[in-house]
Amino acid sequence: MSRSFFLFGARSTGKSTLIRQLPAFDERHYVDLLDDEVLNEYSRDPKKLEMLASESDWVFIDEVQKSTKLLNTVHKLIEKKKTKFALTGSSARKLKRGGANLLGGRANVFHLYPLTAREAFLSLPGPQDRRVRGRSVSSLGRISSQSFCLNRFQ
């Protein structure tokens, strides 16, 4: 991973789980804005983000749509300190509508979609000769969505 990025996706698609699997992930540099206490702390004092960024090359912010004004601080840190950010959120549209700073080309944008019914079915433990509509799907092999997604960020 060489660049900051947004990871957008519907609720419960695995965005938080995915960023926790990234090689650069460190719990000490993770900001979970779903936690009301953390949200209030960083919203009240965005300089806390600057202190966090001074300790690491990467900072991970989960549910960034909860505090869009933090994106101005993120922008400044990308520009001045070359800090990299992994930012998750459920809606890019909601951020745009609210006039949020989407970092204008300073961050890649990825979307994480839920598994299709077929992918979910194939990932279940069980016989390898599962059949979908009478056709064997064993030739497709098992799907490892985590490793597939992780390869996109490396």
Protein backbone atom coordinates (compact mmCIF):
# COMPACT_ATOMS: atom_id res chain seq x y z
CA MET A 1 0.00 0.00 0.00
CA SER A 2 1.55 3.21 -1.07
CA ARG A 3 -1.33 5.66 -1.03
CA SER A 4 -4.19 6.78 1.19
CA PHE A 5 -7.56 5.33 0.31
CA PHE A 6 -11.27 5.38 1.01
CA LEU A 7 -13.03 2.05 1.34
CA PHE A 8 -16.77 2.50 0.89
CA GLY A 9 -19.42 -0.16 1.19
CA ALA A 10 -22.80 -1.03 2.64
CA ARG A 11 -23.14 -1.86 6.30
CA SER A 12 -21.75 -5.24 7.36
CA THR A 13 -19.79 -5.93 4.16
CA GLY A 14 -16.54 -6.34 6.10
CA LYS A 15 -14.81 -2.97 5.67
CA SER A 16 -13.53 -2.83 9.24
CA THR A 17 -12.53 -6.48 9.19
CA LEU A 18 -10.67 -5.97 5.92
CA ILE A 19 -8.59 -3.01 7.06
CA ARG A 20 -7.67 -4.89 10.24
CA GLN A 21 -6.13 -7.57 7.98
CA LEU A 22 -3.85 -5.15 6.15
CA PRO A 23 -0.11 -5.60 6.86
CA ALA A 24 0.30 -1.99 8.03
CA PHE A 25 -2.63 -2.16 10.50
CA ASP A 26 -1.84 -1.26 14.10
CA GLU A 27 -4.58 -0.97 16.74
CA ARG A 28 -2.77 2.01 18.28
CA HIS A 29 -3.34 4.02 15.10
CA TYR A 30 -6.99 3.05 14.66
CA VAL A 31 -9.81 5.56 15.21
CA ASP A 32 -13.28 4.02 15.49
CA LEU A 33 -15.80 6.82 15.02
CA LEU A 34 -18.68 4.49 15.85
CA ASP A 35 -17.59 4.84 19.46
CA ASP A 36 -19.37 8.01 20.65
CA GLU A 37 -16.61 8.87 23.09
CA VAL A 38 -13.94 8.64 20.39
CA LEU A 39 -16.14 10.56 17.94
CA ASN A 40 -16.65 13.40 20.44
CA GLU A 41 -12.95 13.46 21.35
CA TYR A 42 -11.71 13.78 17.74
CA SER A 43 -14.53 16.13 16.68
CA ARG A 44 -13.77 18.45 19.58
CA ASP A 45 -10.01 18.36 19.04
CA PRO A 46 -8.84 17.36 15.53
CA LYS A 47 -5.23 18.03 16.64
CA LYS A 48 -5.42 14.62 18.35
CA LEU A 49 -5.32 13.20 14.83
CA GLU A 50 -2.11 15.13 14.18
CA MET A 51 -0.53 13.60 17.29
CA LEU A 52 -1.62 10.12 16.20
CA ALA A 53 -0.22 10.70 12.70
CA SER A 54 3.15 11.75 14.09
CA GLU A 55 3.56 8.23 15.55
CA SER A 56 3.02 6.22 12.38
CA ASP A 57 3.10 6.20 8.58
CA TRP A 58 -0.49 4.91 8.53
CA VAL A 59 -3.65 5.96 10.37
CA PHE A 60 -6.92 4.02 10.09
CA ILE A 61 -10.23 5.86 10.51
CA ASP A 62 -13.37 3.74 10.58
CA GLU A 63 -16.77 5.27 9.71
CA VAL A 64 -15.33 8.59 8.54
CA GLN A 65 -18.79 9.86 7.50
CA LYS A 66 -19.52 10.39 11.23
CA SER A 67 -17.14 13.38 11.36
CA THR A 68 -16.59 14.87 7.93
CA LYS A 69 -14.69 17.87 9.30
CA LEU A 70 -11.85 15.48 10.20
CA LEU A 71 -11.24 15.12 6.47
CA ASN A 72 -9.77 18.64 6.39
CA THR A 73 -7.19 17.56 8.98
CA VAL A 74 -6.56 14.34 7.00
CA HIS A 75 -6.00 16.45 3.87
CA LYS A 76 -3.48 18.65 5.69
CA LEU A 77 -1.59 15.63 7.10
CA ILE A 78 -1.38 13.95 3.69
CA GLU A 79 0.03 17.14 2.19
CA LYS A 80 2.41 18.27 4.94
CA LYS A 81 3.44 15.10 6.78
CA LYS A 82 2.92 12.55 3.98
CA THR A 83 0.84 10.44 6.39
CA LYS A 84 -1.22 7.72 4.72
CA PHE A 85 -4.83 7.06 5.72
CA ALA A 86 -7.19 4.14 5.33
CA LEU A 87 -10.68 5.62 5.64
CA THR A 88 -13.83 3.51 5.72
CA GLY A 89 -17.38 4.69 5.30
CA SER A 90 -20.77 3.51 4.26
CA SER A 91 -21.62 6.23 1.75
CA ALA A 92 -19.51 8.31 -0.59
CA ARG A 93 -22.73 9.94 -1.79
CA LYS A 94 -23.59 11.11 1.72
CA LEU A 95 -20.12 12.63 2.09
CA LYS A 96 -20.39 14.44 -1.27
CA ARG A 97 -23.89 15.73 -0.48
CA GLY A 98 -22.62 17.13 2.81
CA GLY A 99 -19.83 18.98 1.01
CA ALA A 100 -17.11 16.86 2.63
CA ASN A 101 -13.52 17.12 1.51
CA LEU A 102 -12.93 13.94 -0.51
CA LEU A 103 -9.22 14.72 -0.74
CA GLY A 104 -9.23 15.64 -4.44
CA GLY A 105 -7.03 12.95 -5.99
CA ARG A 106 -4.92 12.39 -2.88
CA ALA A 107 -6.63 9.11 -2.04
CA ASN A 108 -7.76 6.13 -4.05
CA VAL A 109 -11.41 5.11 -3.78
CA PHE A 110 -12.44 1.47 -3.45
CA HIS A 111 -15.88 -0.06 -3.00
CA LEU A 112 -16.50 -3.27 -1.10
CA TYR A 113 -19.66 -5.08 -2.15
CA PRO A 114 -21.46 -7.83 -0.25
CA LEU A 115 -20.92 -11.41 -1.34
CA THR A 116 -23.32 -12.69 -3.97
CA ALA A 117 -25.51 -15.61 -2.98
CA ARG A 118 -23.29 -17.89 -5.07
CA GLU A 119 -20.08 -16.70 -3.35
CA ALA A 120 -21.66 -17.10 0.08
CA PHE A 121 -22.87 -20.59 -0.84
CA LEU A 122 -19.46 -21.67 -2.14
CA SER A 123 -17.67 -20.41 0.96
CA LEU A 124 -19.74 -22.59 3.31
CA PRO A 125 -17.91 -25.58 4.77
CA GLY A 126 -19.12 -28.84 3.32
CA PRO A 127 -18.84 -31.16 0.36
CA GLN A 128 -16.84 -29.83 -2.54
CA ASP A 129 -19.39 -31.13 -5.04
CA ARG A 130 -22.12 -28.64 -4.20
CA ARG A 131 -24.69 -28.18 -6.90
CA VAL A 132 -26.36 -24.99 -8.02
CA ARG A 133 -29.44 -25.56 -10.19
CA GLY A 134 -28.29 -29.10 -10.82
CA ARG A 135 -24.82 -28.08 -12.03
CA SER A 136 -21.68 -28.96 -10.11
CA VAL A 137 -19.72 -25.96 -8.92
CA SER A 138 -16.71 -27.88 -7.65
CA SER A 139 -14.72 -26.82 -10.70
CA LEU A 140 -14.98 -23.21 -9.55
CA GLY A 141 -13.09 -23.95 -6.35
CA ARG A 142 -13.59 -22.23 -3.05
CA ILE A 143 -13.68 -18.48 -2.85
CA SER A 144 -11.53 -16.63 -0.39
CA SER A 145 -12.98 -13.14 -0.53
CA GLN A 146 -10.54 -11.89 2.10
CA SER A 147 -7.42 -12.79 0.17
CA PHE A 148 -9.00 -11.54 -3.07
CA CYS A 149 -9.70 -8.14 -1.52
CA LEU A 150 -6.40 -7.91 0.31
CA ASN A 151 -4.49 -8.31 -2.96
CA ARG A 152 -6.15 -5.14 -4.26
CA PHE A 153 -4.60 -3.06 -1.48
CA GLN A 154 -1.04 -4.41 -1.63
